[in-house]
Amino acid sequence: MGIFWDLLQQDELEKQQNQADSVEERVKHLEEELANTKVLLKKTLIALETHLVKDIDGDGKAG
């Protein structure tokens, strides 16, 4: 019975490790997407401020 218990425990540990790896990968992907979104948002804001010649974000300059 002991060997079966060991096998079940090992299988469960492997499942949990795979889940942890998956979560880490998803977090990394989300962090990369967030960084890309921030860059795009900044470029869009600059283009909009330049087009409208208006300070939208309150940083004291347009563009």
Protein backbone atom coordinates (compact mmCIF):
# COMPACT_ATOMS: atom_id res chain seq x y z
CA MET A 1 0.00 0.00 0.00
CA GLY A 2 2.90 2.36 0.72
CA ILE A 3 4.17 2.40 -2.86
CA PHE A 4 0.74 3.33 -4.19
CA TRP A 5 0.47 6.15 -1.69
CA ASP A 6 3.91 7.42 -2.75
CA LEU A 7 2.86 7.30 -6.42
CA LEU A 8 -0.34 9.22 -5.69
CA GLN A 9 1.56 11.84 -3.72
CA GLN A 10 4.15 12.20 -6.49
CA ASP A 11 1.39 12.62 -9.09
CA GLU A 12 -0.30 15.28 -6.99
CA LEU A 13 2.98 17.14 -6.50
CA GLU A 14 3.58 17.14 -10.24
CA LYS A 15 0.08 18.48 -10.90
CA GLN A 16 0.60 21.29 -8.40
CA GLN A 17 3.99 22.15 -9.92
CA ASN A 18 2.44 22.32 -13.39
CA GLN A 19 -0.28 24.61 -12.08
CA ALA A 20 2.30 26.86 -10.43
CA ASP A 21 4.33 27.00 -13.64
CA SER A 22 1.19 27.82 -15.58
CA VAL A 23 0.26 30.65 -13.20
CA GLU A 24 3.78 32.09 -13.40
CA GLU A 25 3.65 32.00 -17.19
CA ARG A 26 0.25 33.69 -17.24
CA VAL A 27 1.43 36.40 -14.84
CA LYS A 28 4.52 37.01 -16.98
CA HIS A 29 2.36 37.26 -20.10
CA LEU A 30 -0.04 39.67 -18.37
CA GLU A 31 2.85 41.83 -17.17
CA GLU A 32 4.20 42.01 -20.73
CA GLU A 33 0.76 42.91 -22.08
CA LEU A 34 0.38 45.62 -19.44
CA ALA A 35 3.75 47.13 -20.36
CA ASN A 36 2.82 47.11 -24.06
CA THR A 37 -0.55 48.69 -23.28
CA LYS A 38 1.11 51.46 -21.28
CA VAL A 39 3.47 52.22 -24.18
CA LEU A 40 0.58 52.31 -26.63
CA LEU A 41 -1.50 54.50 -24.31
CA LYS A 42 1.38 56.97 -23.92
CA LYS A 43 1.88 57.14 -27.71
CA THR A 44 -1.85 57.66 -28.21
CA LEU A 45 -1.95 60.41 -25.58
CA ILE A 46 1.00 62.20 -27.17
CA ALA A 47 -0.59 61.99 -30.62
CA LEU A 48 -3.92 63.25 -29.28
CA GLU A 49 -2.32 66.14 -27.38
CA THR A 50 -0.29 67.07 -30.45
CA HIS A 51 -3.37 66.95 -32.66
CA LEU A 52 -5.53 68.98 -30.29
CA VAL A 53 -2.64 71.21 -29.11
CA LYS A 54 -3.96 70.72 -25.60
CA ASP A 55 -2.58 69.33 -22.33
CA ILE A 56 -4.85 66.39 -21.57
CA ASP A 57 -2.85 64.53 -18.91
CA GLY A 58 -2.03 67.62 -16.84
CA ASP A 59 1.75 67.36 -17.15
CA GLY A 60 2.06 71.01 -18.20
CA LYS A 61 2.83 70.40 -21.87
CA ALA A 62 0.90 69.41 -24.96
CA GLY A 63 2.44 66.48 -26.75
